[in-house]
Amino acid sequence: MAGRADANRRRIMDIALAELLRDADASMDQIARAAGVVRRTVYGHFPSRDALIVALVDDVAETVGTVHAAALHGVDDPAEALARSVLAVWEIADGYRLLISLAQRSVTVEGIHRRLEPVRLETATVLQRGLDAGQFTSPLPVTALAYVREQVILGLMQAVNEGLLAPEEAGRSAAITALATLGVPVAAATELVARILATGNAAAPDARASDAAVPGSGDIGV
């Protein structure tokens, strides 16, 4: 019984994500109709629309963490590791830009930071390696630098949402900007990012990021 309930919850989340990305103001009624269930079923899993959005954000944060770790795996060069991680995270997060913007109404800034803490800790390790090697330079402590890198991605997501930056340029721009904030010359950062993108896969050469596609739908009880 628990397995069926989990499957139902998963399917509602998948459909809710699709509906919210299509219409950021989608109501619980709309989501229930799209899922082919009565509203009571949706509320049985999520007591409010905000609770549903929080669950979706948790899911995205977990996916981002998995992809980030995969992008860093086996990459010794700090600049390449940072660039690969930004590009890989963008590939996933770009599809959730509107959700992340929407989540800022339902999840506190502190809550978003808490969910991204594992990613920041991994980033800080890479940043420290780069600083120790003299590859990166900054007057900021490494923990603050990890926040800067995080905000580069979140800020550019918002810029794309507001039409200030073309989506197809944003991932590349985020990676180059992240490196530039660490003292890497823009020309060198641009060349490195272009080389990574030329491989067609931002993940580390010996790692494969998890599939972030929305799972297929199944039957759900009402």
N, C-alpha and C. Protein backbone atom coordinates (compact mmCIF):
# COMPACT_ATOMS: atom_id res chain seq x y z
N MET A 1 0.83 -1.21 0.00
CA MET A 1 0.00 0.00 0.00
C MET A 1 0.87 1.27 0.00
N ALA A 2 1.96 1.20 0.82
CA ALA A 2 2.84 2.35 0.89
C ALA A 2 3.49 2.61 -0.46
N GLY A 3 3.83 1.52 -1.17
CA GLY A 3 4.44 1.66 -2.48
C GLY A 3 3.53 2.36 -3.46
N ARG A 4 2.24 2.01 -3.43
CA ARG A 4 1.28 2.65 -4.34
C ARG A 4 1.11 4.13 -3.98
N ALA A 5 1.07 4.41 -2.67
CA ALA A 5 0.93 5.81 -2.24
C ALA A 5 2.14 6.63 -2.69
N ASP A 6 3.33 6.04 -2.59
CA ASP A 6 4.54 6.74 -3.03
C ASP A 6 4.50 6.99 -4.53
N ALA A 7 4.04 5.99 -5.28
CA ALA A 7 3.94 6.14 -6.73
C ALA A 7 2.93 7.23 -7.10
N ASN A 8 1.81 7.25 -6.37
CA ASN A 8 0.80 8.29 -6.61
C ASN A 8 1.36 9.68 -6.33
N ARG A 9 2.08 9.79 -5.23
CA ARG A 9 2.68 11.07 -4.86
C ARG A 9 3.69 11.51 -5.92
N ARG A 10 4.49 10.57 -6.38
CA ARG A 10 5.49 10.88 -7.40
C ARG A 10 4.83 11.38 -8.68
N ARG A 11 3.75 10.72 -9.08
CA ARG A 11 3.08 11.10 -10.32
C ARG A 11 2.45 12.49 -10.18
N ILE A 12 1.84 12.76 -9.02
CA ILE A 12 1.27 14.09 -8.79
C ILE A 12 2.36 15.16 -8.88
N MET A 13 3.53 14.87 -8.30
CA MET A 13 4.63 15.83 -8.35
C MET A 13 5.09 16.07 -9.79
N ASP A 14 5.20 15.00 -10.56
CA ASP A 14 5.64 15.14 -11.95
C ASP A 14 4.66 15.99 -12.76
N ILE A 15 3.37 15.73 -12.56
CA ILE A 15 2.35 16.48 -13.30
C ILE A 15 2.29 17.92 -12.79
N ALA A 16 2.42 18.10 -11.48
CA ALA A 16 2.42 19.46 -10.91
C ALA A 16 3.58 20.27 -11.47
N LEU A 17 4.74 19.64 -11.57
CA LEU A 17 5.91 20.35 -12.12
C LEU A 17 5.63 20.80 -13.55
N ALA A 18 5.10 19.91 -14.36
CA ALA A 18 4.79 20.26 -15.74
C ALA A 18 3.78 21.40 -15.81
N GLU A 19 2.75 21.34 -14.95
CA GLU A 19 1.72 22.38 -14.96
C GLU A 19 2.27 23.73 -14.49
N LEU A 20 3.10 23.71 -13.45
CA LEU A 20 3.65 24.96 -12.92
C LEU A 20 4.67 25.58 -13.88
N LEU A 21 5.40 24.75 -14.61
CA LEU A 21 6.32 25.29 -15.60
C LEU A 21 5.56 25.89 -16.78
N ARG A 22 4.37 25.34 -17.03
CA ARG A 22 3.52 25.87 -18.11
C ARG A 22 2.79 27.12 -17.66
N ASP A 23 2.33 27.10 -16.40
CA ASP A 23 1.56 28.21 -15.83
C ASP A 23 1.95 28.36 -14.37
N ALA A 24 2.76 29.37 -14.07
CA ALA A 24 3.27 29.54 -12.71
C ALA A 24 2.17 29.77 -11.69
N ASP A 25 0.98 30.17 -12.15
CA ASP A 25 -0.14 30.41 -11.24
C ASP A 25 -1.11 29.23 -11.17
N ALA A 26 -0.72 28.09 -11.70
CA ALA A 26 -1.60 26.91 -11.70
C ALA A 26 -2.06 26.59 -10.28
N SER A 27 -3.36 26.37 -10.13
CA SER A 27 -3.94 26.09 -8.82
C SER A 27 -3.93 24.59 -8.55
N MET A 28 -4.25 24.24 -7.31
CA MET A 28 -4.36 22.82 -6.96
C MET A 28 -5.47 22.16 -7.76
N ASP A 29 -6.53 22.90 -8.06
CA ASP A 29 -7.62 22.37 -8.90
C ASP A 29 -7.09 22.01 -10.29
N GLN A 30 -6.31 22.92 -10.88
CA GLN A 30 -5.75 22.67 -12.21
C GLN A 30 -4.84 21.45 -12.20
N ILE A 31 -4.04 21.35 -11.17
CA ILE A 31 -3.11 20.22 -11.06
C ILE A 31 -3.88 18.92 -10.91
N ALA A 32 -4.93 18.94 -10.10
CA ALA A 32 -5.75 17.74 -9.92
C ALA A 32 -6.38 17.32 -11.24
N ARG A 33 -6.92 18.29 -11.98
CA ARG A 33 -7.54 17.97 -13.27
C ARG A 33 -6.51 17.39 -14.24
N ALA A 34 -5.32 17.97 -14.26
CA ALA A 34 -4.28 17.47 -15.16
C ALA A 34 -3.87 16.05 -14.79
N ALA A 35 -3.92 15.75 -13.49
CA ALA A 35 -3.56 14.41 -13.02
C ALA A 35 -4.71 13.42 -13.16
N GLY A 36 -5.90 13.93 -13.46
CA GLY A 36 -7.06 13.05 -13.60
C GLY A 36 -7.58 12.53 -12.28
N VAL A 37 -7.42 13.34 -11.23
CA VAL A 37 -7.89 12.93 -9.90
C VAL A 37 -8.72 14.06 -9.30
N VAL A 38 -9.39 13.75 -8.20
CA VAL A 38 -10.13 14.79 -7.50
C VAL A 38 -9.15 15.59 -6.64
N ARG A 39 -9.55 16.81 -6.30
CA ARG A 39 -8.67 17.69 -5.53
C ARG A 39 -8.29 17.06 -4.19
N ARG A 40 -9.21 16.29 -3.61
CA ARG A 40 -8.95 15.67 -2.31
C ARG A 40 -7.71 14.77 -2.36
N THR A 41 -7.49 14.13 -3.51
CA THR A 41 -6.33 13.25 -3.64
C THR A 41 -5.03 14.04 -3.57
N VAL A 42 -5.00 15.19 -4.24
CA VAL A 42 -3.80 16.02 -4.21
C VAL A 42 -3.55 16.53 -2.80
N TYR A 43 -4.62 17.00 -2.14
CA TYR A 43 -4.46 17.50 -0.77
C TYR A 43 -4.12 16.39 0.21
N GLY A 44 -4.43 15.15 -0.14
CA GLY A 44 -4.05 14.03 0.71
C GLY A 44 -2.55 13.84 0.79
N HIS A 45 -1.86 14.26 -0.25
CA HIS A 45 -0.39 14.16 -0.28
C HIS A 45 0.28 15.48 0.10
N PHE A 46 -0.35 16.58 -0.25
CA PHE A 46 0.24 17.91 -0.01
C PHE A 46 -0.83 18.82 0.58
N PRO A 47 -0.67 19.24 1.84
CA PRO A 47 -1.72 20.00 2.51
C PRO A 47 -1.98 21.39 1.93
N SER A 48 -1.04 21.89 1.12
CA SER A 48 -1.22 23.21 0.52
C SER A 48 -0.39 23.30 -0.76
N ARG A 49 -0.67 24.32 -1.54
CA ARG A 49 0.10 24.55 -2.76
C ARG A 49 1.56 24.84 -2.42
N ASP A 50 1.78 25.61 -1.36
CA ASP A 50 3.15 25.89 -0.94
C ASP A 50 3.89 24.62 -0.56
N ALA A 51 3.20 23.70 0.12
CA ALA A 51 3.83 22.43 0.51
C ALA A 51 4.22 21.63 -0.72
N LEU A 52 3.39 21.68 -1.75
CA LEU A 52 3.70 20.99 -3.00
C LEU A 52 4.93 21.60 -3.66
N ILE A 53 5.00 22.92 -3.68
CA ILE A 53 6.15 23.60 -4.29
C ILE A 53 7.43 23.28 -3.52
N VAL A 54 7.34 23.26 -2.19
CA VAL A 54 8.51 22.91 -1.37
C VAL A 54 8.99 21.51 -1.71
N ALA A 55 8.06 20.57 -1.87
CA ALA A 55 8.44 19.19 -2.22
C ALA A 55 9.13 19.15 -3.58
N LEU A 56 8.64 19.94 -4.53
CA LEU A 56 9.26 20.00 -5.85
C LEU A 56 10.67 20.59 -5.77
N VAL A 57 10.84 21.62 -4.95
CA VAL A 57 12.15 22.24 -4.78
C VAL A 57 13.13 21.25 -4.15
N ASP A 58 12.66 20.50 -3.16
CA ASP A 58 13.50 19.47 -2.54
C ASP A 58 13.97 18.46 -3.58
N ASP A 59 13.06 18.09 -4.47
CA ASP A 59 13.37 17.12 -5.51
C ASP A 59 14.42 17.68 -6.47
N VAL A 60 14.25 18.93 -6.86
CA VAL A 60 15.21 19.57 -7.77
C VAL A 60 16.58 19.69 -7.09
N ALA A 61 16.59 20.07 -5.82
CA ALA A 61 17.85 20.22 -5.10
C ALA A 61 18.61 18.90 -5.03
N GLU A 62 17.88 17.81 -4.84
CA GLU A 62 18.51 16.49 -4.80
C GLU A 62 19.12 16.15 -6.17
N THR A 63 18.38 16.44 -7.23
CA THR A 63 18.88 16.17 -8.58
C THR A 63 20.11 17.02 -8.88
N VAL A 64 20.06 18.29 -8.51
CA VAL A 64 21.20 19.18 -8.73
C VAL A 64 22.43 18.66 -7.98
N GLY A 65 22.24 18.20 -6.75
CA GLY A 65 23.35 17.66 -5.97
C GLY A 65 23.99 16.46 -6.64
N THR A 66 23.17 15.57 -7.18
CA THR A 66 23.68 14.38 -7.86
C THR A 66 24.47 14.76 -9.10
N VAL A 67 23.92 15.66 -9.90
CA VAL A 67 24.57 16.09 -11.13
C VAL A 67 25.88 16.83 -10.82
N HIS A 68 25.86 17.65 -9.80
CA HIS A 68 27.04 18.42 -9.41
C HIS A 68 28.18 17.48 -9.02
N ALA A 69 27.87 16.49 -8.20
CA ALA A 69 28.89 15.54 -7.76
C ALA A 69 29.46 14.76 -8.95
N ALA A 70 28.59 14.38 -9.88
CA ALA A 70 29.04 13.64 -11.06
C ALA A 70 29.97 14.48 -11.92
N ALA A 71 29.68 15.77 -12.03
CA ALA A 71 30.50 16.66 -12.86
C ALA A 71 31.90 16.85 -12.27
N LEU A 72 32.01 16.79 -10.95
CA LEU A 72 33.30 16.99 -10.29
C LEU A 72 34.14 15.72 -10.26
N HIS A 73 33.49 14.59 -10.37
CA HIS A 73 34.16 13.30 -10.17
C HIS A 73 35.31 13.09 -11.17
N GLY A 74 36.49 12.85 -10.63
CA GLY A 74 37.63 12.51 -11.47
C GLY A 74 38.29 13.67 -12.19
N VAL A 75 37.87 14.90 -11.91
CA VAL A 75 38.48 16.07 -12.57
C VAL A 75 39.46 16.71 -11.59
N ASP A 76 40.74 16.64 -11.90
CA ASP A 76 41.77 17.14 -10.98
C ASP A 76 41.98 18.64 -11.08
N ASP A 77 41.86 19.19 -12.28
CA ASP A 77 42.11 20.62 -12.46
C ASP A 77 40.96 21.43 -11.87
N PRO A 78 41.24 22.32 -10.90
CA PRO A 78 40.16 23.07 -10.24
C PRO A 78 39.32 23.92 -11.19
N ALA A 79 39.96 24.60 -12.14
CA ALA A 79 39.20 25.45 -13.06
C ALA A 79 38.28 24.62 -13.94
N GLU A 80 38.79 23.51 -14.44
CA GLU A 80 37.95 22.64 -15.26
C GLU A 80 36.82 22.04 -14.43
N ALA A 81 37.13 21.64 -13.20
CA ALA A 81 36.09 21.07 -12.33
C ALA A 81 34.98 22.08 -12.07
N LEU A 82 35.38 23.33 -11.79
CA LEU A 82 34.37 24.36 -11.52
C LEU A 82 33.53 24.62 -12.76
N ALA A 83 34.19 24.75 -13.91
CA ALA A 83 33.45 25.01 -15.15
C ALA A 83 32.50 23.87 -15.47
N ARG A 84 32.97 22.63 -15.35
CA ARG A 84 32.11 21.49 -15.64
C ARG A 84 30.91 21.45 -14.69
N SER A 85 31.15 21.76 -13.42
CA SER A 85 30.05 21.70 -12.46
C SER A 85 29.00 22.76 -12.75
N VAL A 86 29.43 23.96 -13.12
CA VAL A 86 28.47 25.02 -13.44
C VAL A 86 27.67 24.65 -14.69
N LEU A 87 28.35 24.16 -15.71
CA LEU A 87 27.66 23.78 -16.95
C LEU A 87 26.68 22.63 -16.71
N ALA A 88 27.10 21.64 -15.92
CA ALA A 88 26.24 20.49 -15.66
C ALA A 88 25.01 20.89 -14.84
N VAL A 89 25.23 21.70 -13.82
CA VAL A 89 24.11 22.16 -13.01
C VAL A 89 23.16 23.01 -13.85
N TRP A 90 23.71 23.84 -14.73
CA TRP A 90 22.84 24.67 -15.56
C TRP A 90 21.97 23.82 -16.47
N GLU A 91 22.54 22.75 -17.04
CA GLU A 91 21.77 21.89 -17.92
C GLU A 91 20.51 21.37 -17.23
N ILE A 92 20.64 21.08 -15.93
CA ILE A 92 19.49 20.60 -15.16
C ILE A 92 18.62 21.77 -14.72
N ALA A 93 19.25 22.76 -14.10
CA ALA A 93 18.49 23.85 -13.47
C ALA A 93 17.78 24.73 -14.49
N ASP A 94 18.30 24.81 -15.71
CA ASP A 94 17.67 25.68 -16.71
C ASP A 94 16.22 25.27 -16.95
N GLY A 95 15.95 23.97 -16.88
CA GLY A 95 14.58 23.50 -17.09
C GLY A 95 13.66 23.85 -15.93
N TYR A 96 14.25 24.25 -14.80
CA TYR A 96 13.46 24.56 -13.61
C TYR A 96 13.53 26.03 -13.24
N ARG A 97 13.97 26.87 -14.19
CA ARG A 97 14.15 28.29 -13.86
C ARG A 97 12.88 28.92 -13.29
N LEU A 98 11.75 28.67 -13.94
CA LEU A 98 10.49 29.27 -13.48
C LEU A 98 10.07 28.72 -12.13
N LEU A 99 10.33 27.43 -11.91
CA LEU A 99 10.00 26.83 -10.61
C LEU A 99 10.83 27.47 -9.50
N ILE A 100 12.12 27.67 -9.75
CA ILE A 100 12.98 28.26 -8.73
C ILE A 100 12.55 29.69 -8.43
N SER A 101 12.16 30.41 -9.47
CA SER A 101 11.63 31.77 -9.25
C SER A 101 10.35 31.71 -8.43
N LEU A 102 9.48 30.76 -8.77
CA LEU A 102 8.23 30.59 -8.04
C LEU A 102 8.49 30.18 -6.59
N ALA A 103 9.51 29.34 -6.40
CA ALA A 103 9.80 28.83 -5.06
C ALA A 103 10.20 29.94 -4.10
N GLN A 104 10.74 31.02 -4.62
CA GLN A 104 11.15 32.12 -3.76
C GLN A 104 9.97 32.77 -3.06
N ARG A 105 8.75 32.48 -3.55
CA ARG A 105 7.56 32.97 -2.86
C ARG A 105 7.11 32.02 -1.75
N SER A 106 7.55 30.74 -1.85
CA SER A 106 7.08 29.72 -0.92
C SER A 106 8.16 29.22 0.03
N VAL A 107 9.42 29.34 -0.39
CA VAL A 107 10.54 28.85 0.41
C VAL A 107 11.39 30.06 0.78
N THR A 108 11.76 30.18 2.04
CA THR A 108 12.58 31.31 2.46
C THR A 108 13.96 31.23 1.82
N VAL A 109 14.64 32.36 1.75
CA VAL A 109 16.01 32.37 1.23
C VAL A 109 16.87 31.42 2.05
N GLU A 110 16.67 31.43 3.37
CA GLU A 110 17.42 30.53 4.24
C GLU A 110 17.13 29.07 3.87
N GLY A 111 15.87 28.79 3.55
CA GLY A 111 15.51 27.42 3.18
C GLY A 111 16.18 26.99 1.89
N ILE A 112 16.24 27.88 0.91
CA ILE A 112 16.91 27.57 -0.35
C ILE A 112 18.40 27.34 -0.12
N HIS A 113 19.02 28.20 0.68
CA HIS A 113 20.44 28.03 0.98
C HIS A 113 20.70 26.70 1.68
N ARG A 114 19.82 26.33 2.59
CA ARG A 114 19.99 25.07 3.32
C ARG A 114 19.93 23.87 2.37
N ARG A 115 19.03 23.92 1.42
CA ARG A 115 18.89 22.81 0.47
C ARG A 115 20.11 22.69 -0.45
N LEU A 116 20.78 23.81 -0.69
CA LEU A 116 21.95 23.80 -1.58
C LEU A 116 23.27 23.65 -0.83
N GLU A 117 23.21 23.47 0.48
CA GLU A 117 24.44 23.39 1.27
C GLU A 117 25.39 22.28 0.81
N PRO A 118 24.91 21.06 0.51
CA PRO A 118 25.85 20.03 0.05
C PRO A 118 26.62 20.45 -1.21
N VAL A 119 25.95 21.14 -2.11
CA VAL A 119 26.61 21.61 -3.33
C VAL A 119 27.67 22.67 -2.98
N ARG A 120 27.33 23.57 -2.06
CA ARG A 120 28.30 24.60 -1.66
C ARG A 120 29.54 23.99 -1.01
N LEU A 121 29.34 22.97 -0.19
CA LEU A 121 30.48 22.33 0.47
C LEU A 121 31.41 21.68 -0.54
N GLU A 122 30.84 21.01 -1.54
CA GLU A 122 31.67 20.43 -2.60
C GLU A 122 32.40 21.52 -3.38
N THR A 123 31.68 22.60 -3.66
CA THR A 123 32.27 23.72 -4.39
C THR A 123 33.43 24.32 -3.60
N ALA A 124 33.25 24.47 -2.29
CA ALA A 124 34.29 25.06 -1.45
C ALA A 124 35.58 24.24 -1.51
N THR A 125 35.44 22.92 -1.57
CA THR A 125 36.62 22.06 -1.67
C THR A 125 37.39 22.33 -2.96
N VAL A 126 36.66 22.44 -4.06
CA VAL A 126 37.30 22.73 -5.35
C VAL A 126 37.93 24.12 -5.33
N LEU A 127 37.22 25.09 -4.77
CA LEU A 127 37.74 26.45 -4.70
C LEU A 127 39.03 26.51 -3.89
N GLN A 128 39.07 25.78 -2.78
CA GLN A 128 40.26 25.78 -1.94
C GLN A 128 41.45 25.19 -2.68
N ARG A 129 41.21 24.13 -3.44
CA ARG A 129 42.28 23.54 -4.25
C ARG A 129 42.84 24.55 -5.24
N GLY A 130 41.92 25.28 -5.87
CA GLY A 130 42.35 26.28 -6.84
C GLY A 130 43.11 27.43 -6.21
N LEU A 131 42.67 27.85 -5.02
CA LEU A 131 43.37 28.92 -4.30
C LEU A 131 44.75 28.46 -3.86
N ASP A 132 44.84 27.24 -3.33
CA ASP A 132 46.12 26.70 -2.87
C ASP A 132 47.11 26.57 -4.02
N ALA A 133 46.60 26.25 -5.21
CA ALA A 133 47.47 26.06 -6.38
C ALA A 133 47.81 27.38 -7.06
N GLY A 134 47.19 28.48 -6.61
CA GLY A 134 47.42 29.77 -7.24
C GLY A 134 46.66 29.95 -8.54
N GLN A 135 45.74 29.03 -8.81
CA GLN A 135 44.95 29.10 -10.04
C GLN A 135 43.82 30.11 -9.89
N PHE A 136 43.30 30.24 -8.66
CA PHE A 136 42.26 31.21 -8.34
C PHE A 136 42.84 32.26 -7.41
N THR A 137 42.31 33.47 -7.48
CA THR A 137 42.69 34.52 -6.54
C THR A 137 41.42 35.26 -6.11
N SER A 138 41.36 35.57 -4.82
CA SER A 138 40.22 36.31 -4.30
C SER A 138 40.52 36.79 -2.89
N PRO A 139 40.02 37.96 -2.51
CA PRO A 139 40.18 38.42 -1.13
C PRO A 139 39.17 37.78 -0.19
N LEU A 140 38.22 37.03 -0.74
CA LEU A 140 37.15 36.44 0.06
C LEU A 140 37.55 35.07 0.61
N PRO A 141 37.01 34.70 1.78
CA PRO A 141 37.21 33.34 2.28
C PRO A 141 36.47 32.35 1.39
N VAL A 142 36.93 31.12 1.40
CA VAL A 142 36.39 30.13 0.47
C VAL A 142 34.89 29.89 0.67
N THR A 143 34.41 29.97 1.90
CA THR A 143 32.98 29.75 2.14
C THR A 143 32.14 30.85 1.50
N ALA A 144 32.66 32.08 1.52
CA ALA A 144 31.96 33.19 0.86
C ALA A 144 32.01 33.03 -0.65
N LEU A 145 33.13 32.55 -1.17
CA LEU A 145 33.26 32.33 -2.61
C LEU A 145 32.26 31.30 -3.11
N ALA A 146 31.99 30.30 -2.28
CA ALA A 146 31.01 29.28 -2.67
C ALA A 146 29.63 29.90 -2.85
N TYR A 147 29.30 30.88 -2.01
CA TYR A 147 28.03 31.59 -2.16
C TYR A 147 28.02 32.43 -3.44
N VAL A 148 29.17 33.04 -3.76
CA VAL A 148 29.25 33.85 -4.98
C VAL A 148 28.96 32.98 -6.19
N ARG A 149 29.55 31.81 -6.24
CA ARG A 149 29.33 30.89 -7.36
C ARG A 149 27.86 30.49 -7.45
N GLU A 150 27.24 30.22 -6.29
CA GLU A 150 25.82 29.86 -6.26
C GLU A 150 24.96 31.00 -6.79
N GLN A 151 25.28 32.23 -6.38
CA GLN A 151 24.47 33.37 -6.79
C GLN A 151 24.66 33.73 -8.26
N VAL A 152 25.82 33.41 -8.82
CA VAL A 152 26.01 33.61 -10.26
C VAL A 152 24.96 32.81 -11.02
N ILE A 153 24.78 31.55 -10.63
CA ILE A 153 23.81 30.69 -11.30
C ILE A 153 22.38 31.18 -11.07
N LEU A 154 22.03 31.44 -9.80
CA LEU A 154 20.67 31.88 -9.49
C LEU A 154 20.37 33.23 -10.13
N GLY A 155 21.36 34.12 -10.11
CA GLY A 155 21.14 35.45 -10.70
C GLY A 155 20.93 35.38 -12.20
N LEU A 156 21.69 34.53 -12.89
CA LEU A 156 21.53 34.41 -14.33
C LEU A 156 20.22 33.70 -14.69
N MET A 157 19.76 32.81 -13.83
CA MET A 157 18.44 32.21 -14.04
C MET A 157 17.37 33.30 -14.06
N GLN A 158 17.45 34.21 -13.10
CA GLN A 158 16.48 35.29 -13.04
C GLN A 158 16.62 36.21 -14.24
N ALA A 159 17.86 36.44 -14.67
CA ALA A 159 18.08 37.29 -15.84
C ALA A 159 17.44 36.68 -17.09
N VAL A 160 17.53 35.35 -17.21
CA VAL A 160 16.89 34.68 -18.35
C VAL A 160 15.37 34.79 -18.22
N ASN A 161 14.85 34.59 -17.01
CA ASN A 161 13.41 34.70 -16.79
C ASN A 161 12.88 36.07 -17.19
N GLU A 162 13.68 37.10 -16.97
CA GLU A 162 13.26 38.47 -17.27
C GLU A 162 13.61 38.90 -18.70
N GLY A 163 14.14 37.96 -19.49
CA GLY A 163 14.45 38.26 -20.88
C GLY A 163 15.70 39.08 -21.09
N LEU A 164 16.57 39.13 -20.09
CA LEU A 164 17.79 39.93 -20.19
C LEU A 164 18.96 39.15 -20.77
N LEU A 165 18.82 37.84 -20.86
CA LEU A 165 19.89 36.98 -21.36
C LEU A 165 19.27 35.82 -22.11
N ALA A 166 19.81 35.51 -23.28
CA ALA A 166 19.28 34.41 -24.08
C ALA A 166 19.56 33.08 -23.38
N PRO A 167 18.57 32.20 -23.25
CA PRO A 167 18.75 30.92 -22.56
C PRO A 167 19.91 30.10 -23.11
N GLU A 168 20.09 30.13 -24.43
CA GLU A 168 21.14 29.31 -25.04
C GLU A 168 22.55 29.81 -24.71
N GLU A 169 22.66 31.05 -24.23
CA GLU A 169 23.97 31.61 -23.87
C GLU A 169 24.23 31.55 -22.37
N ALA A 170 23.18 31.29 -21.59
CA ALA A 170 23.28 31.47 -20.14
C ALA A 170 24.24 30.49 -19.47
N GLY A 171 24.20 29.22 -19.83
CA GLY A 171 25.09 28.25 -19.19
C GLY A 171 26.55 28.58 -19.42
N ARG A 172 26.87 28.86 -20.66
CA ARG A 172 28.24 29.26 -21.02
C ARG A 172 28.64 30.53 -20.26
N SER A 173 27.74 31.50 -20.23
CA SER A 173 28.03 32.76 -19.53
C SER A 173 28.23 32.54 -18.04
N ALA A 174 27.43 31.65 -17.46
CA ALA A 174 27.55 31.36 -16.02
C ALA A 174 28.91 30.75 -15.70
N ALA A 175 29.35 29.81 -16.52
CA ALA A 175 30.64 29.16 -16.27
C ALA A 175 31.79 30.14 -16.42
N ILE A 176 31.76 30.95 -17.46
CA ILE A 176 32.83 31.94 -17.68
C ILE A 176 32.83 32.97 -16.56
N THR A 177 31.65 33.43 -16.16
CA THR A 177 31.56 34.43 -15.09
C THR A 177 32.06 33.87 -13.77
N ALA A 178 31.70 32.62 -13.48
CA ALA A 178 32.16 31.99 -12.23
C ALA A 178 33.68 31.94 -12.18
N LEU A 179 34.31 31.61 -13.30
CA LEU A 179 35.77 31.57 -13.34
C LEU A 179 36.37 32.98 -13.25
N ALA A 180 35.74 33.93 -13.93
CA ALA A 180 36.26 35.30 -13.93
C ALA A 180 36.23 35.91 -12.53
N THR A 181 35.21 35.58 -11.73
CA THR A 181 35.14 36.10 -10.37
C THR A 181 36.27 35.56 -9.50
N LEU A 182 36.93 34.51 -9.97
CA LEU A 182 38.04 33.90 -9.22
C LEU A 182 39.39 34.33 -9.77
N GLY A 183 39.39 35.34 -10.63
CA GLY A 183 40.64 35.86 -11.15
C GLY A 183 41.16 35.17 -12.40
N VAL A 184 40.39 34.22 -12.94
CA VAL A 184 40.81 33.58 -14.19
C VAL A 184 40.56 34.56 -15.34
N PRO A 185 41.55 34.85 -16.17
CA PRO A 185 41.34 35.78 -17.29
C PRO A 185 40.16 35.34 -18.15
N VAL A 186 39.37 36.30 -18.59
CA VAL A 186 38.17 35.97 -19.36
C VAL A 186 38.51 35.17 -20.61
N ALA A 187 39.60 35.52 -21.28
CA ALA A 187 39.97 34.79 -22.49
C ALA A 187 40.26 33.33 -22.18
N ALA A 188 40.98 33.09 -21.08
CA ALA A 188 41.30 31.71 -20.69
C ALA A 188 40.04 30.96 -20.27
N ALA A 189 39.17 31.65 -19.53
CA ALA A 189 37.91 31.02 -19.10
C ALA A 189 37.04 30.67 -20.30
N THR A 190 36.98 31.59 -21.26
CA THR A 190 36.18 31.36 -22.46
C THR A 190 36.70 30.16 -23.25
N GLU A 191 38.02 30.07 -23.37
CA GLU A 191 38.63 28.95 -24.10
C GLU A 191 38.35 27.62 -23.40
N LEU A 192 38.48 27.61 -22.07
CA LEU A 192 38.24 26.38 -21.31
C LEU A 192 36.79 25.92 -21.45
N VAL A 193 35.86 26.84 -21.30
CA VAL A 193 34.44 26.49 -21.40
C VAL A 193 34.11 26.00 -22.81
N ALA A 194 34.69 26.64 -23.82
CA ALA A 194 34.44 26.21 -25.20
C ALA A 194 34.95 24.80 -25.42
N ARG A 195 36.10 24.48 -24.84
CA ARG A 195 36.66 23.13 -24.99
C ARG A 195 35.76 22.09 -24.34
N ILE A 196 35.23 22.42 -23.17
CA ILE A 196 34.33 21.49 -22.48
C ILE A 196 33.05 21.29 -23.29
N LEU A 197 32.49 22.39 -23.76
CA LEU A 197 31.25 22.31 -24.52
C LEU A 197 31.44 21.56 -25.84
N ALA A 198 32.65 21.61 -26.38
CA ALA A 198 32.92 20.92 -27.65
C ALA A 198 32.82 19.41 -27.50
N THR A 199 32.97 18.91 -26.26
CA THR A 199 32.84 17.47 -26.03
C THR A 199 31.39 17.04 -26.04
N GLY A 200 30.48 18.01 -25.90
CA GLY A 200 29.05 17.70 -25.93
C GLY A 200 28.52 17.18 -24.62
N ASN A 201 29.33 17.16 -23.57
CA ASN A 201 28.88 16.64 -22.27
C ASN A 201 29.64 17.37 -21.17
N ALA A 202 28.92 18.13 -20.34
CA ALA A 202 29.57 18.89 -19.27
C ALA A 202 29.99 18.02 -18.11
N ALA A 203 29.40 16.82 -17.99
CA ALA A 203 29.77 15.93 -16.89
C ALA A 203 31.22 15.48 -17.06
N ALA A 204 31.82 15.04 -15.95
CA ALA A 204 33.19 14.58 -16.00
C ALA A 204 33.32 13.42 -16.98
N PRO A 205 34.49 13.25 -17.60
CA PRO A 205 34.66 12.22 -18.61
C PRO A 205 34.31 10.81 -18.13
N ASP A 206 34.56 10.52 -16.84
CA ASP A 206 34.31 9.17 -16.36
C ASP A 206 33.06 9.08 -15.49
N ALA A 207 32.17 10.05 -15.63
CA ALA A 207 30.94 10.03 -14.84
C ALA A 207 29.77 10.39 -15.72
N ARG A 208 28.62 9.89 -15.37
CA ARG A 208 27.41 10.21 -16.14
C ARG A 208 26.38 10.78 -15.18
N ALA A 209 25.88 11.96 -15.49
CA ALA A 209 24.86 12.59 -14.65
C ALA A 209 23.58 11.80 -14.73
N SER A 210 22.82 11.82 -13.64
CA SER A 210 21.55 11.10 -13.62
C SER A 210 20.55 11.75 -14.57
N ASP A 211 19.65 10.94 -15.09
CA ASP A 211 18.65 11.41 -16.04
C ASP A 211 17.62 12.24 -15.30
N ALA A 212 17.40 13.48 -15.76
CA ALA A 212 16.46 14.37 -15.08
C ALA A 212 15.14 14.46 -15.80
N ALA A 213 14.89 13.57 -16.74
CA ALA A 213 13.62 13.62 -17.47
C ALA A 213 12.47 13.29 -16.54
N VAL A 214 11.33 13.87 -16.82
CA VAL A 214 10.15 13.59 -16.03
C VAL A 214 9.71 12.16 -16.28
N PRO A 215 9.54 11.33 -15.23
CA PRO A 215 9.14 9.95 -15.43
C PRO A 215 7.77 9.86 -16.08
N GLY A 216 7.51 8.71 -16.68
CA GLY A 216 6.22 8.49 -17.31
C GLY A 216 5.12 8.38 -16.28
N SER A 217 3.91 8.64 -16.71
CA SER A 217 2.79 8.60 -15.79
C SER A 217 2.23 7.20 -15.68
N GLY A 218 1.59 6.94 -14.57
CA GLY A 218 0.94 5.66 -14.34
C GLY A 218 -0.44 5.89 -13.78
N ASP A 219 -1.14 4.82 -13.46
CA ASP A 219 -2.47 4.96 -12.90
C ASP A 219 -2.38 5.50 -11.49
N ILE A 220 -3.39 6.23 -11.09
CA ILE A 220 -3.42 6.81 -9.75
C ILE A 220 -4.82 6.68 -9.19
N GLY A 221 -4.90 6.32 -7.94
CA GLY A 221 -6.21 6.15 -7.32
C GLY A 221 -6.79 7.46 -6.87
N VAL A 222 -8.09 7.53 -6.74
CA VAL A 222 -8.75 8.75 -6.30
C VAL A 222 -9.42 8.52 -4.96
